[in-house]
Amino acid sequence: LCTQQHPCNRVTDRHTHTHTHTHTERFVKKKFFNSLNMSLTSILSAEAIENAVKDCQAPDSFCYKKFFQLCGLSQKSPQEVKDVFRIIDEDNSGFIEEAELKFFLQRFFPGARTLTEKEIKSLLTAADDDSDGRIGVDEFQTMVFS
């Protein structure tokens, strides 16, 4: 539990458990998203990420080339692109699978929308050079720098 003094931790509160539990959940989620975002923002500017995500808020408006340019990823080194790939590869399988692509924007900016099926298929088609249904690190790099 959070060790900070917080109004929801008062003994006199009838709903101490509920409030504490909710506070703890928010604390853990915030900590997770901050660590995720902190990793990305050590490579990309938070402002650039936010602008890139805002640019494709409408469903079916995601364009990977424009997104990578706006967030600054296409101007980064090959090693930095690999580092971003590892962040997006949520299950650490060495590949970005279709299920992970749905949450692609959320890996950059928590609270962003999910990609549509059309956008997911388009992204896979653009990057999946060996047609195995997933994106490897080399395929990701090729897509980012294309």
N, C-alpha and C. Protein backbone atom coordinates (compact mmCIF):
# COMPACT_ATOMS: atom_id res chain seq x y z
N LEU A 1 0.83 -1.20 0.00
CA LEU A 1 0.00 0.00 0.00
C LEU A 1 0.87 1.25 0.00
N CYS A 2 0.27 2.31 -0.46
CA CYS A 2 0.94 3.60 -0.46
C CYS A 2 1.18 4.00 0.99
N THR A 3 2.40 4.41 1.28
CA THR A 3 2.73 4.76 2.66
C THR A 3 2.50 6.24 2.94
N GLN A 4 2.15 6.99 1.91
CA GLN A 4 1.88 8.42 2.12
C GLN A 4 0.62 8.60 2.94
N GLN A 5 0.60 9.64 3.76
CA GLN A 5 -0.63 9.99 4.45
C GLN A 5 -1.61 10.51 3.41
N HIS A 6 -2.77 9.96 3.41
CA HIS A 6 -3.77 10.33 2.42
C HIS A 6 -5.12 10.31 3.09
N PRO A 7 -6.02 11.22 2.75
CA PRO A 7 -7.31 11.29 3.43
C PRO A 7 -8.07 9.96 3.44
N CYS A 8 -7.88 9.13 2.41
CA CYS A 8 -8.64 7.87 2.37
C CYS A 8 -8.11 6.83 3.35
N ASN A 9 -6.98 7.08 3.99
CA ASN A 9 -6.41 6.13 4.94
C ASN A 9 -6.83 6.40 6.38
N ARG A 10 -7.71 7.37 6.61
CA ARG A 10 -8.14 7.69 7.97
C ARG A 10 -8.88 6.51 8.59
N VAL A 11 -8.60 6.24 9.83
CA VAL A 11 -9.24 5.14 10.55
C VAL A 11 -10.73 5.42 10.72
N THR A 12 -11.10 6.69 10.86
CA THR A 12 -12.50 7.04 11.10
C THR A 12 -13.35 6.90 9.84
N ASP A 13 -12.75 6.71 8.70
CA ASP A 13 -13.49 6.59 7.45
C ASP A 13 -14.12 5.20 7.39
N ARG A 14 -15.44 5.14 7.22
CA ARG A 14 -16.13 3.85 7.15
C ARG A 14 -15.70 3.05 5.93
N HIS A 15 -15.27 3.70 4.89
CA HIS A 15 -14.93 3.04 3.63
C HIS A 15 -13.42 2.96 3.43
N THR A 16 -12.70 2.81 4.52
CA THR A 16 -11.24 2.81 4.44
C THR A 16 -10.73 1.79 3.44
N HIS A 17 -11.21 0.56 3.50
CA HIS A 17 -10.70 -0.49 2.61
C HIS A 17 -10.95 -0.13 1.14
N THR A 18 -12.16 0.28 0.84
CA THR A 18 -12.50 0.61 -0.54
C THR A 18 -11.66 1.77 -1.05
N HIS A 19 -11.57 2.82 -0.26
CA HIS A 19 -10.79 3.99 -0.69
C HIS A 19 -9.31 3.65 -0.80
N THR A 20 -8.79 2.91 0.17
CA THR A 20 -7.39 2.54 0.15
C THR A 20 -7.09 1.67 -1.07
N HIS A 21 -7.97 0.72 -1.34
CA HIS A 21 -7.78 -0.18 -2.48
C HIS A 21 -7.79 0.62 -3.79
N THR A 22 -8.76 1.52 -3.93
CA THR A 22 -8.85 2.34 -5.14
C THR A 22 -7.61 3.22 -5.27
N HIS A 23 -7.18 3.81 -4.16
CA HIS A 23 -5.99 4.66 -4.18
C HIS A 23 -4.77 3.83 -4.58
N THR A 24 -4.67 2.63 -4.05
CA THR A 24 -3.54 1.75 -4.36
C THR A 24 -3.56 1.38 -5.84
N GLU A 25 -4.74 1.04 -6.39
CA GLU A 25 -4.83 0.70 -7.81
C GLU A 25 -4.36 1.87 -8.66
N ARG A 26 -4.83 3.07 -8.33
CA ARG A 26 -4.42 4.26 -9.09
C ARG A 26 -2.92 4.48 -8.98
N PHE A 27 -2.37 4.28 -7.78
CA PHE A 27 -0.94 4.46 -7.56
C PHE A 27 -0.14 3.48 -8.43
N VAL A 28 -0.55 2.20 -8.44
CA VAL A 28 0.15 1.18 -9.22
C VAL A 28 0.04 1.48 -10.71
N LYS A 29 -1.16 1.81 -11.19
CA LYS A 29 -1.34 2.13 -12.61
C LYS A 29 -0.50 3.33 -13.00
N LYS A 30 -0.54 4.37 -12.17
CA LYS A 30 0.22 5.57 -12.45
C LYS A 30 1.72 5.26 -12.50
N LYS A 31 2.18 4.47 -11.55
CA LYS A 31 3.59 4.09 -11.50
C LYS A 31 3.97 3.31 -12.75
N PHE A 32 3.10 2.36 -13.19
CA PHE A 32 3.37 1.59 -14.40
C PHE A 32 3.45 2.51 -15.62
N PHE A 33 2.45 3.36 -15.79
CA PHE A 33 2.44 4.23 -16.95
C PHE A 33 3.58 5.24 -16.91
N ASN A 34 3.93 5.72 -15.72
CA ASN A 34 5.06 6.64 -15.62
C ASN A 34 6.36 5.94 -16.00
N SER A 35 6.55 4.69 -15.58
CA SER A 35 7.78 3.99 -15.94
C SER A 35 7.81 3.71 -17.43
N LEU A 36 6.66 3.36 -18.01
CA LEU A 36 6.57 3.14 -19.45
C LEU A 36 6.86 4.43 -20.18
N ASN A 37 6.18 5.49 -19.78
CA ASN A 37 6.35 6.78 -20.43
C ASN A 37 7.76 7.32 -20.20
N MET A 38 8.31 7.11 -19.01
CA MET A 38 9.65 7.59 -18.72
C MET A 38 10.65 6.92 -19.65
N SER A 39 10.47 5.64 -19.94
CA SER A 39 11.36 4.95 -20.87
C SER A 39 11.29 5.60 -22.24
N LEU A 40 10.09 5.82 -22.72
CA LEU A 40 9.94 6.44 -24.04
C LEU A 40 10.44 7.88 -24.05
N THR A 41 10.16 8.61 -22.97
CA THR A 41 10.57 10.01 -22.95
C THR A 41 12.07 10.17 -22.69
N SER A 42 12.76 9.08 -22.41
CA SER A 42 14.22 9.17 -22.37
C SER A 42 14.78 9.11 -23.79
N ILE A 43 13.93 8.75 -24.75
CA ILE A 43 14.33 8.66 -26.15
C ILE A 43 13.64 9.75 -26.99
N LEU A 44 12.34 9.94 -26.72
CA LEU A 44 11.53 10.89 -27.47
C LEU A 44 11.00 11.98 -26.55
N SER A 45 10.78 13.16 -27.09
CA SER A 45 10.22 14.24 -26.29
C SER A 45 8.75 13.97 -25.97
N ALA A 46 8.36 14.20 -24.73
CA ALA A 46 6.96 14.00 -24.31
C ALA A 46 6.02 14.84 -25.15
N GLU A 47 6.44 16.06 -25.46
CA GLU A 47 5.62 16.96 -26.28
C GLU A 47 5.44 16.40 -27.70
N ALA A 48 6.52 15.88 -28.27
CA ALA A 48 6.44 15.30 -29.62
C ALA A 48 5.54 14.07 -29.64
N ILE A 49 5.63 13.24 -28.61
CA ILE A 49 4.76 12.05 -28.51
C ILE A 49 3.31 12.48 -28.45
N GLU A 50 3.03 13.46 -27.59
CA GLU A 50 1.65 13.93 -27.43
C GLU A 50 1.12 14.51 -28.74
N ASN A 51 1.92 15.28 -29.44
CA ASN A 51 1.50 15.86 -30.73
C ASN A 51 1.24 14.77 -31.77
N ALA A 52 2.09 13.76 -31.80
CA ALA A 52 1.92 12.66 -32.75
C ALA A 52 0.62 11.90 -32.48
N VAL A 53 0.33 11.65 -31.20
CA VAL A 53 -0.89 10.94 -30.84
C VAL A 53 -2.12 11.79 -31.13
N LYS A 54 -2.05 13.08 -30.84
CA LYS A 54 -3.18 13.98 -31.11
C LYS A 54 -3.49 14.05 -32.60
N ASP A 55 -2.44 13.96 -33.42
CA ASP A 55 -2.62 14.05 -34.86
C ASP A 55 -3.46 12.91 -35.43
N CYS A 56 -3.50 11.79 -34.74
CA CYS A 56 -4.24 10.63 -35.26
C CYS A 56 -5.34 10.18 -34.30
N GLN A 57 -6.00 11.16 -33.68
CA GLN A 57 -7.07 10.85 -32.74
C GLN A 57 -8.29 10.21 -33.40
N ALA A 58 -8.61 10.64 -34.60
CA ALA A 58 -9.79 10.11 -35.28
C ALA A 58 -9.52 8.67 -35.75
N PRO A 59 -10.51 7.79 -35.60
CA PRO A 59 -10.34 6.42 -36.09
C PRO A 59 -9.96 6.40 -37.57
N ASP A 60 -9.10 5.49 -37.93
CA ASP A 60 -8.61 5.31 -39.31
C ASP A 60 -7.81 6.49 -39.84
N SER A 61 -7.25 7.29 -38.94
CA SER A 61 -6.42 8.42 -39.36
C SER A 61 -4.92 8.18 -39.10
N PHE A 62 -4.59 7.01 -38.54
CA PHE A 62 -3.19 6.71 -38.20
C PHE A 62 -2.38 6.44 -39.46
N CYS A 63 -1.30 7.18 -39.62
CA CYS A 63 -0.35 6.98 -40.71
C CYS A 63 1.01 6.80 -40.06
N TYR A 64 1.56 5.59 -40.16
CA TYR A 64 2.80 5.31 -39.42
C TYR A 64 3.94 6.23 -39.81
N LYS A 65 4.07 6.58 -41.09
CA LYS A 65 5.17 7.46 -41.52
C LYS A 65 5.06 8.82 -40.85
N LYS A 66 3.85 9.37 -40.86
CA LYS A 66 3.64 10.68 -40.24
C LYS A 66 3.82 10.60 -38.73
N PHE A 67 3.32 9.52 -38.12
CA PHE A 67 3.45 9.35 -36.68
C PHE A 67 4.91 9.30 -36.27
N PHE A 68 5.71 8.50 -36.98
CA PHE A 68 7.13 8.37 -36.63
C PHE A 68 7.89 9.68 -36.85
N GLN A 69 7.47 10.46 -37.83
CA GLN A 69 8.10 11.77 -38.05
C GLN A 69 7.72 12.74 -36.93
N LEU A 70 6.42 12.80 -36.62
CA LEU A 70 5.95 13.75 -35.60
C LEU A 70 6.51 13.45 -34.21
N CYS A 71 6.60 12.17 -33.86
CA CYS A 71 7.11 11.85 -32.52
C CYS A 71 8.64 11.89 -32.48
N GLY A 72 9.27 11.99 -33.65
CA GLY A 72 10.72 12.12 -33.71
C GLY A 72 11.47 10.81 -33.84
N LEU A 73 10.74 9.69 -33.91
CA LEU A 73 11.42 8.39 -33.94
C LEU A 73 12.22 8.19 -35.22
N SER A 74 11.73 8.69 -36.35
CA SER A 74 12.44 8.48 -37.62
C SER A 74 13.76 9.25 -37.68
N GLN A 75 13.99 10.16 -36.72
CA GLN A 75 15.25 10.91 -36.66
C GLN A 75 16.23 10.32 -35.63
N LYS A 76 15.84 9.23 -35.00
CA LYS A 76 16.67 8.64 -33.95
C LYS A 76 17.65 7.61 -34.52
N SER A 77 18.57 7.18 -33.69
CA SER A 77 19.56 6.19 -34.10
C SER A 77 18.92 4.81 -34.19
N PRO A 78 19.54 3.89 -34.95
CA PRO A 78 19.03 2.52 -34.99
C PRO A 78 18.89 1.89 -33.61
N GLN A 79 19.84 2.16 -32.72
CA GLN A 79 19.75 1.60 -31.36
C GLN A 79 18.55 2.16 -30.60
N GLU A 80 18.29 3.45 -30.76
CA GLU A 80 17.13 4.05 -30.08
C GLU A 80 15.83 3.48 -30.63
N VAL A 81 15.78 3.22 -31.92
CA VAL A 81 14.58 2.60 -32.52
C VAL A 81 14.40 1.19 -31.95
N LYS A 82 15.49 0.45 -31.78
CA LYS A 82 15.41 -0.88 -31.16
C LYS A 82 14.90 -0.77 -29.72
N ASP A 83 15.35 0.24 -29.01
CA ASP A 83 14.89 0.44 -27.63
C ASP A 83 13.38 0.71 -27.59
N VAL A 84 12.89 1.52 -28.53
CA VAL A 84 11.45 1.79 -28.60
C VAL A 84 10.70 0.50 -28.95
N PHE A 85 11.25 -0.28 -29.87
CA PHE A 85 10.64 -1.57 -30.22
C PHE A 85 10.45 -2.43 -28.98
N ARG A 86 11.46 -2.48 -28.14
CA ARG A 86 11.38 -3.31 -26.92
C ARG A 86 10.28 -2.83 -25.98
N ILE A 87 10.03 -1.55 -25.96
CA ILE A 87 8.95 -0.99 -25.13
C ILE A 87 7.59 -1.38 -25.71
N ILE A 88 7.47 -1.32 -27.03
CA ILE A 88 6.21 -1.66 -27.69
C ILE A 88 5.94 -3.17 -27.60
N ASP A 89 6.99 -3.97 -27.63
CA ASP A 89 6.87 -5.43 -27.53
C ASP A 89 6.53 -5.80 -26.09
N GLU A 90 5.27 -5.66 -25.76
CA GLU A 90 4.81 -5.76 -24.38
C GLU A 90 5.11 -7.12 -23.74
N ASP A 91 5.02 -8.20 -24.50
CA ASP A 91 5.24 -9.52 -23.92
C ASP A 91 6.70 -10.00 -24.05
N ASN A 92 7.56 -9.10 -24.53
CA ASN A 92 9.00 -9.40 -24.67
C ASN A 92 9.29 -10.65 -25.48
N SER A 93 8.47 -10.87 -26.52
CA SER A 93 8.64 -12.06 -27.37
C SER A 93 9.67 -11.83 -28.47
N GLY A 94 10.08 -10.57 -28.66
CA GLY A 94 10.97 -10.24 -29.77
C GLY A 94 10.20 -9.88 -31.02
N PHE A 95 8.87 -9.85 -30.90
CA PHE A 95 8.01 -9.51 -32.02
C PHE A 95 6.85 -8.66 -31.52
N ILE A 96 6.34 -7.81 -32.40
CA ILE A 96 5.11 -7.08 -32.11
C ILE A 96 4.02 -7.82 -32.87
N GLU A 97 3.14 -8.47 -32.13
CA GLU A 97 2.07 -9.24 -32.73
C GLU A 97 0.84 -8.36 -32.93
N GLU A 98 -0.11 -8.90 -33.68
CA GLU A 98 -1.34 -8.18 -34.01
C GLU A 98 -2.06 -7.68 -32.75
N ALA A 99 -2.12 -8.49 -31.72
CA ALA A 99 -2.79 -8.09 -30.47
C ALA A 99 -2.10 -6.88 -29.84
N GLU A 100 -0.77 -6.81 -29.93
CA GLU A 100 -0.03 -5.68 -29.38
C GLU A 100 -0.21 -4.43 -30.23
N LEU A 101 -0.41 -4.62 -31.53
CA LEU A 101 -0.59 -3.47 -32.43
C LEU A 101 -1.87 -2.69 -32.10
N LYS A 102 -2.88 -3.38 -31.61
CA LYS A 102 -4.13 -2.71 -31.25
C LYS A 102 -3.86 -1.58 -30.25
N PHE A 103 -2.92 -1.82 -29.33
CA PHE A 103 -2.61 -0.86 -28.27
C PHE A 103 -1.35 -0.05 -28.57
N PHE A 104 -0.94 -0.03 -29.83
CA PHE A 104 0.28 0.65 -30.26
C PHE A 104 0.36 2.09 -29.74
N LEU A 105 -0.69 2.89 -29.97
CA LEU A 105 -0.67 4.30 -29.54
C LEU A 105 -0.63 4.43 -28.03
N GLN A 106 -1.27 3.50 -27.33
CA GLN A 106 -1.28 3.55 -25.87
C GLN A 106 0.10 3.26 -25.28
N ARG A 107 0.93 2.56 -26.00
CA ARG A 107 2.30 2.33 -25.53
C ARG A 107 3.09 3.64 -25.55
N PHE A 108 2.70 4.55 -26.45
CA PHE A 108 3.35 5.85 -26.53
C PHE A 108 2.72 6.85 -25.57
N PHE A 109 1.38 6.78 -25.43
CA PHE A 109 0.67 7.77 -24.63
C PHE A 109 -0.54 7.11 -23.97
N PRO A 110 -0.45 6.82 -22.66
CA PRO A 110 -1.59 6.20 -21.96
C PRO A 110 -2.85 7.04 -22.15
N GLY A 111 -3.94 6.39 -22.43
CA GLY A 111 -5.19 7.10 -22.66
C GLY A 111 -5.47 7.34 -24.13
N ALA A 112 -4.48 7.07 -24.99
CA ALA A 112 -4.71 7.20 -26.43
C ALA A 112 -5.69 6.12 -26.88
N ARG A 113 -6.24 6.31 -28.04
CA ARG A 113 -7.21 5.35 -28.56
C ARG A 113 -6.49 4.08 -29.04
N THR A 114 -7.26 3.04 -29.25
CA THR A 114 -6.71 1.82 -29.85
C THR A 114 -6.75 1.97 -31.36
N LEU A 115 -5.89 1.23 -32.04
CA LEU A 115 -5.92 1.24 -33.50
C LEU A 115 -7.10 0.41 -33.99
N THR A 116 -7.66 0.80 -35.12
CA THR A 116 -8.76 0.05 -35.71
C THR A 116 -8.19 -1.19 -36.43
N GLU A 117 -9.06 -2.12 -36.75
CA GLU A 117 -8.63 -3.32 -37.49
C GLU A 117 -7.97 -2.93 -38.81
N LYS A 118 -8.53 -1.94 -39.48
CA LYS A 118 -7.98 -1.47 -40.76
C LYS A 118 -6.56 -0.93 -40.57
N GLU A 119 -6.35 -0.15 -39.52
CA GLU A 119 -5.03 0.41 -39.22
C GLU A 119 -4.02 -0.68 -38.85
N ILE A 120 -4.48 -1.67 -38.10
CA ILE A 120 -3.62 -2.77 -37.69
C ILE A 120 -3.16 -3.54 -38.94
N LYS A 121 -4.11 -3.85 -39.81
CA LYS A 121 -3.77 -4.59 -41.05
C LYS A 121 -2.81 -3.79 -41.91
N SER A 122 -3.04 -2.48 -42.00
CA SER A 122 -2.18 -1.61 -42.80
C SER A 122 -0.76 -1.58 -42.23
N LEU A 123 -0.64 -1.49 -40.92
CA LEU A 123 0.66 -1.48 -40.25
C LEU A 123 1.38 -2.81 -40.45
N LEU A 124 0.66 -3.90 -40.32
CA LEU A 124 1.25 -5.22 -40.55
C LEU A 124 1.72 -5.37 -41.99
N THR A 125 0.89 -4.96 -42.92
CA THR A 125 1.24 -5.06 -44.34
C THR A 125 2.50 -4.25 -44.64
N ALA A 126 2.60 -3.07 -44.05
CA ALA A 126 3.75 -2.20 -44.29
C ALA A 126 5.05 -2.76 -43.71
N ALA A 127 4.96 -3.45 -42.58
CA ALA A 127 6.17 -3.83 -41.86
C ALA A 127 6.54 -5.31 -41.96
N ASP A 128 5.57 -6.17 -42.14
CA ASP A 128 5.80 -7.61 -42.06
C ASP A 128 6.37 -8.15 -43.37
N ASP A 129 7.67 -7.95 -43.55
CA ASP A 129 8.33 -8.34 -44.80
C ASP A 129 8.34 -9.85 -45.05
N ASP A 130 8.41 -10.65 -44.00
CA ASP A 130 8.48 -12.11 -44.18
C ASP A 130 7.11 -12.79 -44.06
N SER A 131 6.05 -12.00 -43.95
CA SER A 131 4.65 -12.49 -43.92
C SER A 131 4.39 -13.54 -42.83
N ASP A 132 5.01 -13.35 -41.67
CA ASP A 132 4.75 -14.30 -40.57
C ASP A 132 3.68 -13.79 -39.61
N GLY A 133 3.06 -12.64 -39.94
CA GLY A 133 1.97 -12.12 -39.13
C GLY A 133 2.40 -11.34 -37.90
N ARG A 134 3.67 -10.99 -37.86
CA ARG A 134 4.18 -10.22 -36.72
C ARG A 134 5.36 -9.38 -37.20
N ILE A 135 5.73 -8.40 -36.40
CA ILE A 135 6.80 -7.46 -36.78
C ILE A 135 8.01 -7.70 -35.90
N GLY A 136 9.12 -8.06 -36.52
CA GLY A 136 10.37 -8.24 -35.80
C GLY A 136 11.10 -6.91 -35.70
N VAL A 137 12.16 -6.87 -34.92
CA VAL A 137 12.89 -5.64 -34.68
C VAL A 137 13.48 -5.06 -35.98
N ASP A 138 14.01 -5.91 -36.85
CA ASP A 138 14.57 -5.42 -38.11
C ASP A 138 13.48 -4.87 -39.02
N GLU A 139 12.34 -5.53 -39.04
CA GLU A 139 11.20 -5.06 -39.84
C GLU A 139 10.71 -3.71 -39.30
N PHE A 140 10.69 -3.59 -37.98
CA PHE A 140 10.27 -2.33 -37.35
C PHE A 140 11.21 -1.21 -37.73
N GLN A 141 12.50 -1.47 -37.65
CA GLN A 141 13.50 -0.45 -38.02
C GLN A 141 13.33 -0.02 -39.48
N THR A 142 13.17 -0.98 -40.37
CA THR A 142 12.98 -0.68 -41.79
C THR A 142 11.75 0.21 -41.98
N MET A 143 10.66 -0.12 -41.28
CA MET A 143 9.44 0.68 -41.39
C MET A 143 9.67 2.10 -40.87
N VAL A 144 10.31 2.22 -39.73
CA VAL A 144 10.54 3.55 -39.12
C VAL A 144 11.38 4.42 -40.04
N PHE A 145 12.40 3.86 -40.64
CA PHE A 145 13.32 4.64 -41.47
C PHE A 145 12.89 4.73 -42.94
N SER A 146 11.75 4.13 -43.31
CA SER A 146 11.31 4.16 -44.71
C SER A 146 10.75 5.50 -45.13
